[in-house]
Amino acid sequence: MVDAEADVVAESSPADQAWYLLCAQYGVDWVIAGKLLARKRPRLLPVYDRVVRCALGRPRPSFWLALHTVLRADDLALHRHLLALRQIAGVPETVSALRVCDVAVWMGHRTERHACPR
């Protein structure tokens, strides 16, 4: 995600269109659609589920764009921090910074024992 231009995750982008197409399928809600896309493109799309939404809210115009902006800010400070966490944890380099971010947000929020709304 950090290497992509914002239009790759913007409204009406192919990723956005894929998310809407998946959501239109029977039995596929916004969480499942997002997780499928994150699994398919682990270096481009983050996981955004109920826990992440509870922890970080609903950024506007979208979570993807907000995270893209933060990852690219301050000379890539957050991105570099995520890569450092990956190294400290002994996680293979094949695991993207986005997946490290997913786990850090999820685990940090869950250990605070929040009762995330459905």
PDB file of N, CA and C in Angstrom:
ATOM      1  N   MET A   1       0.818  -1.185   0.000  1.00  0.00           N
ATOM      2  CA  MET A   1       0.000   0.000   0.000  1.00  0.00           C
ATOM      3  C   MET A   1       0.869   1.257   0.000  1.00  0.00           C
ATOM      4  N   VAL A   2       1.948   1.206   0.710  1.00  0.00           N
ATOM      5  CA  VAL A   2       2.793   2.400   0.813  1.00  0.00           C
ATOM      6  C   VAL A   2       3.404   2.769  -0.540  1.00  0.00           C
ATOM      7  N   ASP A   3       3.611   1.797  -1.397  1.00  0.00           N
ATOM      8  CA  ASP A   3       4.204   2.055  -2.708  1.00  0.00           C
ATOM      9  C   ASP A   3       3.176   2.432  -3.769  1.00  0.00           C
ATOM     10  N   ALA A   4       1.907   2.223  -3.472  1.00  0.00           N
ATOM     11  CA  ALA A   4       0.840   2.495  -4.442  1.00  0.00           C
ATOM     12  C   ALA A   4       0.408   3.959  -4.367  1.00  0.00           C
ATOM     13  N   GLU A   5      -0.095   4.447  -5.474  1.00  0.00           N
ATOM     14  CA  GLU A   5      -0.686   5.786  -5.480  1.00  0.00           C
ATOM     15  C   GLU A   5      -2.072   5.697  -4.852  1.00  0.00           C
ATOM     16  N   ALA A   6      -2.566   6.796  -4.342  1.00  0.00           N
ATOM     17  CA  ALA A   6      -3.854   6.824  -3.644  1.00  0.00           C
ATOM     18  C   ALA A   6      -5.006   6.362  -4.522  1.00  0.00           C
ATOM     19  N   ASP A   7      -4.910   6.611  -5.820  1.00  0.00           N
ATOM     20  CA  ASP A   7      -6.028   6.230  -6.693  1.00  0.00           C
ATOM     21  C   ASP A   7      -6.244   4.719  -6.765  1.00  0.00           C
ATOM     22  N   VAL A   8      -5.270   3.941  -6.318  1.00  0.00           N
ATOM     23  CA  VAL A   8      -5.398   2.479  -6.323  1.00  0.00           C
ATOM     24  C   VAL A   8      -6.407   2.013  -5.271  1.00  0.00           C
ATOM     25  N   VAL A   9      -6.590   2.804  -4.211  1.00  0.00           N
ATOM     26  CA  VAL A   9      -7.527   2.439  -3.153  1.00  0.00           C
ATOM     27  C   VAL A   9      -8.643   3.471  -2.995  1.00  0.00           C
ATOM     28  N   ALA A  10      -8.753   4.375  -3.935  1.00  0.00           N
ATOM     29  CA  ALA A  10      -9.758   5.438  -3.865  1.00  0.00           C
ATOM     30  C   ALA A  10     -11.136   4.929  -4.261  1.00  0.00           C
ATOM     31  N   GLU A  11     -12.124   5.770  -4.045  1.00  0.00           N
ATOM     32  CA  GLU A  11     -13.487   5.461  -4.466  1.00  0.00           C
ATOM     33  C   GLU A  11     -13.509   5.196  -5.968  1.00  0.00           C
ATOM     34  N   SER A  12     -14.204   4.163  -6.356  1.00  0.00           N
ATOM     35  CA  SER A  12     -14.350   3.720  -7.750  1.00  0.00           C
ATOM     36  C   SER A  12     -13.100   3.064  -8.322  1.00  0.00           C
ATOM     37  N   SER A  13     -12.071   2.848  -7.514  1.00  0.00           N
ATOM     38  CA  SER A  13     -10.887   2.120  -7.976  1.00  0.00           C
ATOM     39  C   SER A  13     -11.268   0.659  -8.203  1.00  0.00           C
ATOM     40  N   PRO A  14     -10.443  -0.095  -8.902  1.00  0.00           N
ATOM     41  CA  PRO A  14     -10.729  -1.522  -9.063  1.00  0.00           C
ATOM     42  C   PRO A  14     -10.903  -2.250  -7.720  1.00  0.00           C
ATOM     43  N   ALA A  15     -10.097  -1.886  -6.727  1.00  0.00           N
ATOM     44  CA  ALA A  15     -10.239  -2.519  -5.411  1.00  0.00           C
ATOM     45  C   ALA A  15     -11.592  -2.178  -4.788  1.00  0.00           C
ATOM     46  N   ASP A  16     -11.995  -0.937  -4.882  1.00  0.00           N
ATOM     47  CA  ASP A  16     -13.286  -0.491  -4.356  1.00  0.00           C
ATOM     48  C   ASP A  16     -14.430  -1.191  -5.085  1.00  0.00           C
ATOM     49  N   GLN A  17     -14.321  -1.287  -6.393  1.00  0.00           N
ATOM     50  CA  GLN A  17     -15.350  -1.964  -7.181  1.00  0.00           C
ATOM     51  C   GLN A  17     -15.428  -3.446  -6.812  1.00  0.00           C
ATOM     52  N   ALA A  18     -14.271  -4.070  -6.605  1.00  0.00           N
ATOM     53  CA  ALA A  18     -14.258  -5.478  -6.213  1.00  0.00           C
ATOM     54  C   ALA A  18     -14.939  -5.669  -4.858  1.00  0.00           C
ATOM     55  N   TRP A  19     -14.691  -4.743  -3.930  1.00  0.00           N
ATOM     56  CA  TRP A  19     -15.316  -4.811  -2.612  1.00  0.00           C
ATOM     57  C   TRP A  19     -16.840  -4.750  -2.746  1.00  0.00           C
ATOM     58  N   TYR A  20     -17.337  -3.820  -3.544  1.00  0.00           N
ATOM     59  CA  TYR A  20     -18.787  -3.699  -3.739  1.00  0.00           C
ATOM     60  C   TYR A  20     -19.367  -4.930  -4.438  1.00  0.00           C
ATOM     61  N   LEU A  21     -18.657  -5.471  -5.402  1.00  0.00           N
ATOM     62  CA  LEU A  21     -19.135  -6.678  -6.077  1.00  0.00           C
ATOM     63  C   LEU A  21     -19.205  -7.864  -5.116  1.00  0.00           C
ATOM     64  N   LEU A  22     -18.207  -7.989  -4.269  1.00  0.00           N
ATOM     65  CA  LEU A  22     -18.222  -9.070  -3.287  1.00  0.00           C
ATOM     66  C   LEU A  22     -19.367  -8.890  -2.295  1.00  0.00           C
ATOM     67  N   CYS A  23     -19.559  -7.657  -1.829  1.00  0.00           N
ATOM     68  CA  CYS A  23     -20.641  -7.381  -0.869  1.00  0.00           C
ATOM     69  C   CYS A  23     -22.016  -7.687  -1.459  1.00  0.00           C
ATOM     70  N   ALA A  24     -22.125  -7.612  -2.769  1.00  0.00           N
ATOM     71  CA  ALA A  24     -23.408  -7.868  -3.436  1.00  0.00           C
ATOM     72  C   ALA A  24     -23.742  -9.360  -3.513  1.00  0.00           C
ATOM     73  N   GLN A  25     -22.779 -10.198  -3.165  1.00  0.00           N
ATOM     74  CA  GLN A  25     -23.005 -11.642  -3.230  1.00  0.00           C
ATOM     75  C   GLN A  25     -23.737 -12.114  -1.972  1.00  0.00           C
ATOM     76  N   TYR A  26     -24.600 -13.078  -2.151  1.00  0.00           N
ATOM     77  CA  TYR A  26     -25.351 -13.631  -1.033  1.00  0.00           C
ATOM     78  C   TYR A  26     -24.397 -14.158   0.043  1.00  0.00           C
ATOM     79  N   GLY A  27     -24.611 -13.757   1.280  1.00  0.00           N
ATOM     80  CA  GLY A  27     -23.824 -14.248   2.403  1.00  0.00           C
ATOM     81  C   GLY A  27     -22.477 -13.568   2.596  1.00  0.00           C
ATOM     82  N   VAL A  28     -22.168 -12.574   1.781  1.00  0.00           N
ATOM     83  CA  VAL A  28     -20.887 -11.869   1.902  1.00  0.00           C
ATOM     84  C   VAL A  28     -21.161 -10.464   2.429  1.00  0.00           C
ATOM     85  N   ASP A  29     -20.741 -10.205   3.662  1.00  0.00           N
ATOM     86  CA  ASP A  29     -20.913  -8.868   4.214  1.00  0.00           C
ATOM     87  C   ASP A  29     -19.612  -8.073   4.041  1.00  0.00           C
ATOM     88  N   TRP A  30     -19.589  -6.855   4.549  1.00  0.00           N
ATOM     89  CA  TRP A  30     -18.438  -5.969   4.363  1.00  0.00           C
ATOM     90  C   TRP A  30     -17.169  -6.537   4.993  1.00  0.00           C
ATOM     91  N   VAL A  31     -17.311  -7.270   6.095  1.00  0.00           N
ATOM     92  CA  VAL A  31     -16.135  -7.863   6.747  1.00  0.00           C
ATOM     93  C   VAL A  31     -15.547  -8.973   5.887  1.00  0.00           C
ATOM     94  N   ILE A  32     -16.383  -9.878   5.429  1.00  0.00           N
ATOM     95  CA  ILE A  32     -15.908 -10.991   4.596  1.00  0.00           C
ATOM     96  C   ILE A  32     -15.303 -10.460   3.305  1.00  0.00           C
ATOM     97  N   ALA A  33     -15.978  -9.497   2.673  1.00  0.00           N
ATOM     98  CA  ALA A  33     -15.455  -8.920   1.430  1.00  0.00           C
ATOM     99  C   ALA A  33     -14.072  -8.309   1.661  1.00  0.00           C
ATOM    100  N   GLY A  34     -13.942  -7.549   2.722  1.00  0.00           N
ATOM    101  CA  GLY A  34     -12.655  -6.919   3.026  1.00  0.00           C
ATOM    102  C   GLY A  34     -11.561  -7.928   3.319  1.00  0.00           C
ATOM    103  N   LYS A  35     -11.890  -8.968   4.061  1.00  0.00           N
ATOM    104  CA  LYS A  35     -10.888  -9.985   4.390  1.00  0.00           C
ATOM    105  C   LYS A  35     -10.474 -10.786   3.166  1.00  0.00           C
ATOM    106  N   LEU A  36     -11.413 -11.065   2.281  1.00  0.00           N
ATOM    107  CA  LEU A  36     -11.061 -11.752   1.032  1.00  0.00           C
ATOM    108  C   LEU A  36     -10.091 -10.907   0.205  1.00  0.00           C
ATOM    109  N   LEU A  37     -10.377  -9.614   0.093  1.00  0.00           N
ATOM    110  CA  LEU A  37      -9.497  -8.733  -0.680  1.00  0.00           C
ATOM    111  C   LEU A  37      -8.136  -8.574  -0.004  1.00  0.00           C
ATOM    112  N   ALA A  38      -8.134  -8.477   1.313  1.00  0.00           N
ATOM    113  CA  ALA A  38      -6.858  -8.357   2.043  1.00  0.00           C
ATOM    114  C   ALA A  38      -6.017  -9.620   1.868  1.00  0.00           C
ATOM    115  N   ARG A  39      -6.678 -10.762   1.834  1.00  0.00           N
ATOM    116  CA  ARG A  39      -5.966 -12.027   1.636  1.00  0.00           C
ATOM    117  C   ARG A  39      -5.398 -12.119   0.218  1.00  0.00           C
ATOM    118  N   LYS A  40      -6.174 -11.631  -0.743  1.00  0.00           N
ATOM    119  CA  LYS A  40      -5.744 -11.684  -2.147  1.00  0.00           C
ATOM    120  C   LYS A  40      -4.622 -10.690  -2.431  1.00  0.00           C
ATOM    121  N   ARG A  41      -4.656  -9.541  -1.780  1.00  0.00           N
ATOM    122  CA  ARG A  41      -3.657  -8.481  -1.997  1.00  0.00           C
ATOM    123  C   ARG A  41      -3.053  -8.033  -0.663  1.00  0.00           C
ATOM    124  N   PRO A  42      -2.216  -8.888  -0.023  1.00  0.00           N
ATOM    125  CA  PRO A  42      -1.719  -8.602   1.329  1.00  0.00           C
ATOM    126  C   PRO A  42      -0.770  -7.402   1.430  1.00  0.00           C
ATOM    127  N   ARG A  43      -0.239  -6.937   0.328  1.00  0.00           N
ATOM    128  CA  ARG A  43       0.634  -5.767   0.365  1.00  0.00           C
ATOM    129  C   ARG A  43      -0.095  -4.495  -0.059  1.00  0.00           C
ATOM    130  N   LEU A  44      -1.341  -4.648  -0.463  1.00  0.00           N
ATOM    131  CA  LEU A  44      -2.104  -3.504  -0.955  1.00  0.00           C
ATOM    132  C   LEU A  44      -3.286  -3.149  -0.061  1.00  0.00           C
ATOM    133  N   LEU A  45      -3.990  -4.153   0.465  1.00  0.00           N
ATOM    134  CA  LEU A  45      -5.220  -3.880   1.192  1.00  0.00           C
ATOM    135  C   LEU A  45      -5.161  -4.413   2.622  1.00  0.00           C
ATOM    136  N   PRO A  46      -5.488  -3.554   3.585  1.00  0.00           N
ATOM    137  CA  PRO A  46      -5.481  -3.972   4.981  1.00  0.00           C
ATOM    138  C   PRO A  46      -6.770  -4.694   5.351  1.00  0.00           C
ATOM    139  N   VAL A  47      -6.736  -5.388   6.458  1.00  0.00           N
ATOM    140  CA  VAL A  47      -7.952  -5.970   7.021  1.00  0.00           C
ATOM    141  C   VAL A  47      -8.701  -4.834   7.718  1.00  0.00           C
ATOM    142  N   TYR A  48      -9.995  -4.768   7.466  1.00  0.00           N
ATOM    143  CA  TYR A  48     -10.856  -3.814   8.165  1.00  0.00           C
ATOM    144  C   TYR A  48     -12.088  -4.587   8.595  1.00  0.00           C
ATOM    145  N   ASP A  49     -12.110  -4.955   9.861  1.00  0.00           N
ATOM    146  CA  ASP A  49     -13.225  -5.730  10.385  1.00  0.00           C
ATOM    147  C   ASP A  49     -13.814  -5.002  11.586  1.00  0.00           C
ATOM    148  N   ARG A  50     -14.667  -5.657  12.323  1.00  0.00           N
ATOM    149  CA  ARG A  50     -15.338  -5.009  13.445  1.00  0.00           C
ATOM    150  C   ARG A  50     -14.360  -4.583  14.536  1.00  0.00           C
ATOM    151  N   VAL A  51     -13.331  -5.371  14.783  1.00  0.00           N
ATOM    152  CA  VAL A  51     -12.339  -5.022  15.806  1.00  0.00           C
ATOM    153  C   VAL A  51     -11.532  -3.803  15.366  1.00  0.00           C
ATOM    154  N   VAL A  52     -11.083  -3.792  14.123  1.00  0.00           N
ATOM    155  CA  VAL A  52     -10.321  -2.648  13.608  1.00  0.00           C
ATOM    156  C   VAL A  52     -11.201  -1.403  13.596  1.00  0.00           C
ATOM    157  N   ARG A  53     -12.451  -1.549  13.186  1.00  0.00           N
ATOM    158  CA  ARG A  53     -13.368  -0.407  13.183  1.00  0.00           C
ATOM    159  C   ARG A  53     -13.586   0.116  14.597  1.00  0.00           C
ATOM    160  N   CYS A  54     -13.706  -0.779  15.577  1.00  0.00           N
ATOM    161  CA  CYS A  54     -13.867  -0.370  16.971  1.00  0.00           C
ATOM    162  C   CYS A  54     -12.615   0.365  17.457  1.00  0.00           C
ATOM    163  N   ALA A  55     -11.442  -0.128  17.068  1.00  0.00           N
ATOM    164  CA  ALA A  55     -10.183   0.471  17.514  1.00  0.00           C
ATOM    165  C   ALA A  55      -9.890   1.805  16.837  1.00  0.00           C
ATOM    166  N   LEU A  56     -10.168   1.894  15.538  1.00  0.00           N
ATOM    167  CA  LEU A  56      -9.738   3.065  14.769  1.00  0.00           C
ATOM    168  C   LEU A  56     -10.879   3.917  14.228  1.00  0.00           C
ATOM    169  N   GLY A  57     -12.085   3.454  14.379  1.00  0.00           N
ATOM    170  CA  GLY A  57     -13.228   4.217  13.907  1.00  0.00           C
ATOM    171  C   GLY A  57     -13.479   4.028  12.425  1.00  0.00           C
ATOM    172  N   ARG A  58     -14.215   4.979  11.880  1.00  0.00           N
ATOM    173  CA  ARG A  58     -14.598   4.945  10.463  1.00  0.00           C
ATOM    174  C   ARG A  58     -14.041   6.184   9.773  1.00  0.00           C
ATOM    175  N   PRO A  59     -12.772   6.156   9.448  1.00  0.00           N
ATOM    176  CA  PRO A  59     -12.165   7.334   8.806  1.00  0.00           C
ATOM    177  C   PRO A  59     -12.859   7.670   7.495  1.00  0.00           C
ATOM    178  N   ARG A  60     -12.901   8.933   7.193  1.00  0.00           N
ATOM    179  CA  ARG A  60     -13.492   9.399   5.938  1.00  0.00           C
ATOM    180  C   ARG A  60     -12.409   9.987   5.070  1.00  0.00           C
ATOM    181  N   PRO A  61     -12.416   9.793   3.800  1.00  0.00           N
ATOM    182  CA  PRO A  61     -13.504   9.184   3.046  1.00  0.00           C
ATOM    183  C   PRO A  61     -13.529   7.668   3.136  1.00  0.00           C
ATOM    184  N   SER A  62     -12.405   7.037   3.457  1.00  0.00           N
ATOM    185  CA  SER A  62     -12.396   5.582   3.610  1.00  0.00           C
ATOM    186  C   SER A  62     -11.218   5.166   4.473  1.00  0.00           C
ATOM    187  N   PHE A  63     -11.332   3.993   5.062  1.00  0.00           N
ATOM    188  CA  PHE A  63     -10.242   3.450   5.861  1.00  0.00           C
ATOM    189  C   PHE A  63      -8.999   3.242   5.009  1.00  0.00           C
ATOM    190  N   TRP A  64      -9.202   2.711   3.812  1.00  0.00           N
ATOM    191  CA  TRP A  64      -8.055   2.454   2.929  1.00  0.00           C
ATOM    192  C   TRP A  64      -7.289   3.735   2.637  1.00  0.00           C
ATOM    193  N   LEU A  65      -7.979   4.787   2.281  1.00  0.00           N
ATOM    194  CA  LEU A  65      -7.303   6.053   1.966  1.00  0.00           C
ATOM    195  C   LEU A  65      -6.651   6.661   3.196  1.00  0.00           C
ATOM    196  N   ALA A  66      -7.328   6.582   4.332  1.00  0.00           N
ATOM    197  CA  ALA A  66      -6.757   7.128   5.561  1.00  0.00           C
ATOM    198  C   ALA A  66      -5.465   6.402   5.932  1.00  0.00           C
ATOM    199  N   LEU A  67      -5.485   5.080   5.858  1.00  0.00           N
ATOM    200  CA  LEU A  67      -4.276   4.317   6.182  1.00  0.00           C
ATOM    201  C   LEU A  67      -3.176   4.586   5.167  1.00  0.00           C
ATOM    202  N   HIS A  68      -3.521   4.678   3.913  1.00  0.00           N
ATOM    203  CA  HIS A  68      -2.552   5.004   2.865  1.00  0.00           C
ATOM    204  C   HIS A  68      -1.851   6.328   3.197  1.00  0.00           C
ATOM    205  N   THR A  69      -2.615   7.317   3.596  1.00  0.00           N
ATOM    206  CA  THR A  69      -2.058   8.634   3.934  1.00  0.00           C
ATOM    207  C   THR A  69      -1.117   8.549   5.127  1.00  0.00           C
ATOM    208  N   VAL A  70      -1.540   7.840   6.171  1.00  0.00           N
ATOM    209  CA  VAL A  70      -0.723   7.717   7.380  1.00  0.00           C
ATOM    210  C   VAL A  70       0.558   6.937   7.099  1.00  0.00           C
ATOM    211  N   LEU A  71       0.461   5.886   6.302  1.00  0.00           N
ATOM    212  CA  LEU A  71       1.651   5.091   5.988  1.00  0.00           C
ATOM    213  C   LEU A  71       2.689   5.891   5.210  1.00  0.00           C
ATOM    214  N   ARG A  72       2.242   6.833   4.406  1.00  0.00           N
ATOM    215  CA  ARG A  72       3.161   7.617   3.581  1.00  0.00           C
ATOM    216  C   ARG A  72       3.621   8.908   4.256  1.00  0.00           C
ATOM    217  N   ALA A  73       3.039   9.236   5.394  1.00  0.00           N
ATOM    218  CA  ALA A  73       3.368  10.486   6.082  1.00  0.00           C
ATOM    219  C   ALA A  73       4.718  10.417   6.787  1.00  0.00           C
ATOM    220  N   ASP A  74       5.251  11.571   7.085  1.00  0.00           N
ATOM    221  CA  ASP A  74       6.480  11.691   7.883  1.00  0.00           C
ATOM    222  C   ASP A  74       7.607  10.792   7.396  1.00  0.00           C
ATOM    223  N   ASP A  75       7.856  10.855   6.106  1.00  0.00           N
ATOM    224  CA  ASP A  75       8.933  10.080   5.502  1.00  0.00           C
ATOM    225  C   ASP A  75       8.781   8.577   5.777  1.00  0.00           C
ATOM    226  N   LEU A  76       7.542   8.100   5.705  1.00  0.00           N
ATOM    227  CA  LEU A  76       7.214   6.679   5.876  1.00  0.00           C
ATOM    228  C   LEU A  76       7.483   6.156   7.284  1.00  0.00           C
ATOM    229  N   ALA A  77       7.352   7.012   8.283  1.00  0.00           N
ATOM    230  CA  ALA A  77       7.687   6.640   9.667  1.00  0.00           C
ATOM    231  C   ALA A  77       6.904   5.424  10.156  1.00  0.00           C
ATOM    232  N   LEU A  78       5.596   5.413   9.961  1.00  0.00           N
ATOM    233  CA  LEU A  78       4.803   4.275  10.426  1.00  0.00           C
ATOM    234  C   LEU A  78       5.187   3.010   9.667  1.00  0.00           C
ATOM    235  N   HIS A  79       5.362   3.125   8.379  1.00  0.00           N
ATOM    236  CA  HIS A  79       5.747   1.957   7.581  1.00  0.00           C
ATOM    237  C   HIS A  79       7.078   1.389   8.082  1.00  0.00           C
ATOM    238  N   ARG A  80       8.043   2.254   8.318  1.00  0.00           N
ATOM    239  CA  ARG A  80       9.340   1.784   8.814  1.00  0.00           C
ATOM    240  C   ARG A  80       9.209   1.152  10.203  1.00  0.00           C
ATOM    241  N   HIS A  81       8.337   1.722  11.030  1.00  0.00           N
ATOM    242  CA  HIS A  81       8.101   1.168  12.371  1.00  0.00           C
ATOM    243  C   HIS A  81       7.487  -0.238  12.275  1.00  0.00           C
ATOM    244  N   LEU A  82       6.558  -0.422  11.368  1.00  0.00           N
ATOM    245  CA  LEU A  82       5.939  -1.736  11.179  1.00  0.00           C
ATOM    246  C   LEU A  82       6.965  -2.764  10.706  1.00  0.00           C
ATOM    247  N   LEU A  83       7.856  -2.346   9.820  1.00  0.00           N
ATOM    248  CA  LEU A  83       8.908  -3.257   9.358  1.00  0.00           C
ATOM    249  C   LEU A  83       9.860  -3.610  10.500  1.00  0.00           C
ATOM    250  N   ALA A  84      10.143  -2.644  11.378  1.00  0.00           N
ATOM    251  CA  ALA A  84      10.995  -2.911  12.541  1.00  0.00           C
ATOM    252  C   ALA A  84      10.302  -3.893  13.493  1.00  0.00           C
ATOM    253  N   LEU A  85       9.002  -3.712  13.707  1.00  0.00           N
ATOM    254  CA  LEU A  85       8.253  -4.657  14.549  1.00  0.00           C
ATOM    255  C   LEU A  85       8.299  -6.065  13.971  1.00  0.00           C
ATOM    256  N   ARG A  86       8.170  -6.152  12.668  1.00  0.00           N
ATOM    257  CA  ARG A  86       8.232  -7.459  12.005  1.00  0.00           C
ATOM    258  C   ARG A  86       9.568  -8.130  12.285  1.00  0.00           C
ATOM    259  N   GLN A  87      10.643  -7.358  12.198  1.00  0.00           N
ATOM    260  CA  GLN A  87      11.970  -7.916  12.441  1.00  0.00           C
ATOM    261  C   GLN A  87      12.137  -8.320  13.905  1.00  0.00           C
ATOM    262  N   ILE A  88      11.710  -7.475  14.828  1.00  0.00           N
ATOM    263  CA  ILE A  88      11.806  -7.780  16.257  1.00  0.00           C
ATOM    264  C   ILE A  88      11.042  -9.055  16.599  1.00  0.00           C
ATOM    265  N   ALA A  89       9.878  -9.225  15.975  1.00  0.00           N
ATOM    266  CA  ALA A  89       9.036 -10.393  16.243  1.00  0.00           C
ATOM    267  C   ALA A  89       9.556 -11.651  15.558  1.00  0.00           C
ATOM    268  N   GLY A  90      10.541 -11.494  14.683  1.00  0.00           N
ATOM    269  CA  GLY A  90      11.074 -12.649  13.976  1.00  0.00           C
ATOM    270  C   GLY A  90      10.136 -13.180  12.903  1.00  0.00           C
ATOM    271  N   VAL A  91       9.307 -12.293  12.386  1.00  0.00           N
ATOM    272  CA  VAL A  91       8.352 -12.674  11.347  1.00  0.00           C
ATOM    273  C   VAL A  91       9.061 -12.601  10.000  1.00  0.00           C
ATOM    274  N   PRO A  92       8.830 -13.546   9.119  1.00  0.00           N
ATOM    275  CA  PRO A  92       9.497 -13.549   7.809  1.00  0.00           C
ATOM    276  C   PRO A  92       9.185 -12.291   6.994  1.00  0.00           C
ATOM    277  N   GLU A  93      10.117 -11.912   6.151  1.00  0.00           N
ATOM    278  CA  GLU A  93       9.949 -10.733   5.300  1.00  0.00           C
ATOM    279  C   GLU A  93       8.821 -10.903   4.281  1.00  0.00           C
ATOM    280  N   THR A  94       8.354 -12.123   4.094  1.00  0.00           N
ATOM    281  CA  THR A  94       7.234 -12.343   3.180  1.00  0.00           C
ATOM    282  C   THR A  94       5.926 -11.793   3.752  1.00  0.00           C
ATOM    283  N   VAL A  95       5.891 -11.544   5.050  1.00  0.00           N
ATOM    284  CA  VAL A  95       4.711 -10.953   5.689  1.00  0.00           C
ATOM    285  C   VAL A  95       4.787  -9.439   5.499  1.00  0.00           C
ATOM    286  N   SER A  96       3.754  -8.871   4.906  1.00  0.00           N
ATOM    287  CA  SER A  96       3.766  -7.447   4.585  1.00  0.00           C
ATOM    288  C   SER A  96       3.611  -6.577   5.828  1.00  0.00           C
ATOM    289  N   ALA A  97       4.021  -5.328   5.687  1.00  0.00           N
ATOM    290  CA  ALA A  97       3.850  -4.347   6.764  1.00  0.00           C
ATOM    291  C   ALA A  97       2.373  -4.188   7.109  1.00  0.00           C
ATOM    292  N   LEU A  98       1.508  -4.316   6.123  1.00  0.00           N
ATOM    293  CA  LEU A  98       0.065  -4.225   6.390  1.00  0.00           C
ATOM    294  C   LEU A  98      -0.412  -5.339   7.302  1.00  0.00           C
ATOM    295  N   ARG A  99       0.103  -6.564   7.098  1.00  0.00           N
ATOM    296  CA  ARG A  99      -0.310  -7.656   7.970  1.00  0.00           C
ATOM    297  C   ARG A  99       0.210  -7.427   9.382  1.00  0.00           C
ATOM    298  N   VAL A 100       1.407  -6.862   9.520  1.00  0.00           N
ATOM    299  CA  VAL A 100       1.934  -6.520  10.846  1.00  0.00           C
ATOM    300  C   VAL A 100       1.026  -5.486  11.489  1.00  0.00           C
ATOM    301  N   CYS A 101       0.607  -4.500  10.722  1.00  0.00           N
ATOM    302  CA  CYS A 101      -0.313  -3.473  11.206  1.00  0.00           C
ATOM    303  C   CYS A 101      -1.630  -4.104  11.652  1.00  0.00           C
ATOM    304  N   ASP A 102      -2.170  -4.996  10.833  1.00  0.00           N
ATOM    305  CA  ASP A 102      -3.420  -5.683  11.181  1.00  0.00           C
ATOM    306  C   ASP A 102      -3.309  -6.356  12.546  1.00  0.00           C
ATOM    307  N   VAL A 103      -2.246  -7.113  12.718  1.00  0.00           N
ATOM    308  CA  VAL A 103      -2.061  -7.868  13.964  1.00  0.00           C
ATOM    309  C   VAL A 103      -1.844  -6.920  15.136  1.00  0.00           C
ATOM    310  N   ALA A 104      -1.050  -5.885  14.953  1.00  0.00           N
ATOM    311  CA  ALA A 104      -0.781  -4.932  16.042  1.00  0.00           C
ATOM    312  C   ALA A 104      -2.066  -4.241  16.502  1.00  0.00           C
ATOM    313  N   VAL A 105      -2.868  -3.789  15.557  1.00  0.00           N
ATOM    314  CA  VAL A 105      -4.126  -3.125  15.921  1.00  0.00           C
ATOM    315  C   VAL A 105      -5.062  -4.118  16.594  1.00  0.00           C
ATOM    316  N   TRP A 106      -5.213  -5.283  16.002  1.00  0.00           N
ATOM    317  CA  TRP A 106      -6.140  -6.279  16.519  1.00  0.00           C
ATOM    318  C   TRP A 106      -5.748  -6.719  17.920  1.00  0.00           C
ATOM    319  N   MET A 107      -4.484  -7.097  18.084  1.00  0.00           N
ATOM    320  CA  MET A 107      -4.033  -7.597  19.388  1.00  0.00           C
ATOM    321  C   MET A 107      -4.031  -6.494  20.436  1.00  0.00           C
ATOM    322  N   GLY A 108      -3.600  -5.311  20.056  1.00  0.00           N
ATOM    323  CA  GLY A 108      -3.604  -4.199  20.997  1.00  0.00           C
ATOM    324  C   GLY A 108      -4.999  -3.860  21.473  1.00  0.00           C
ATOM    325  N   HIS A 109      -5.936  -3.882  20.595  1.00  0.00           N
ATOM    326  CA  HIS A 109      -7.307  -3.541  20.951  1.00  0.00           C
ATOM    327  C   HIS A 109      -7.965  -4.660  21.763  1.00  0.00           C
ATOM    328  N   ARG A 110      -7.738  -5.884  21.369  1.00  0.00           N
ATOM    329  CA  ARG A 110      -8.365  -7.008  22.077  1.00  0.00           C
ATOM    330  C   ARG A 110      -7.808  -7.164  23.489  1.00  0.00           C
ATOM    331  N   THR A 111      -6.530  -6.844  23.691  1.00  0.00           N
ATOM    332  CA  THR A 111      -5.967  -6.981  25.038  1.00  0.00           C
ATOM    333  C   THR A 111      -6.497  -5.894  25.969  1.00  0.00           C
ATOM    334  N   GLU A 112      -7.054  -4.836  25.414  1.00  0.00           N
ATOM    335  CA  GLU A 112      -7.665  -3.802  26.248  1.00  0.00           C
ATOM    336  C   GLU A 112      -9.080  -4.202  26.666  1.00  0.00           C
ATOM    337  N   ARG A 113      -9.515  -5.370  26.230  1.00  0.00           N
ATOM    338  CA  ARG A 113     -10.801  -5.972  26.601  1.00  0.00           C
ATOM    339  C   ARG A 113     -11.999  -5.095  26.254  1.00  0.00           C
ATOM    340  N   HIS A 114     -11.972  -4.573  25.063  1.00  0.00           N
ATOM    341  CA  HIS A 114     -13.112  -3.801  24.582  1.00  0.00           C
ATOM    342  C   HIS A 114     -14.227  -4.749  24.185  1.00  0.00           C
ATOM    343  N   ALA A 115     -15.430  -4.314  24.394  1.00  0.00           N
ATOM    344  CA  ALA A 115     -16.599  -5.050  23.902  1.00  0.00           C
ATOM    345  C   ALA A 115     -17.006  -4.366  22.597  1.00  0.00           C
ATOM    346  N   CYS A 116     -16.413  -4.797  21.524  1.00  0.00           N
ATOM    347  CA  CYS A 116     -16.651  -4.156  20.232  1.00  0.00           C
ATOM    348  C   CYS A 116     -18.099  -4.402  19.796  1.00  0.00           C
ATOM    349  N   PRO A 117     -18.781  -3.338  19.355  1.00  0.00           N
ATOM    350  CA  PRO A 117     -20.149  -3.531  18.872  1.00  0.00           C
ATOM    351  C   PRO A 117     -20.153  -4.324  17.584  1.00  0.00           C
ATOM    352  N   ARG A 118     -21.220  -4.980  17.312  1.00  0.00           N
ATOM    353  CA  ARG A 118     -21.346  -5.779  16.094  1.00  0.00           C
ATOM    354  C   ARG A 118     -21.726  -4.915  14.967  1.00  0.00           C
TER     355      ARG A 118
END
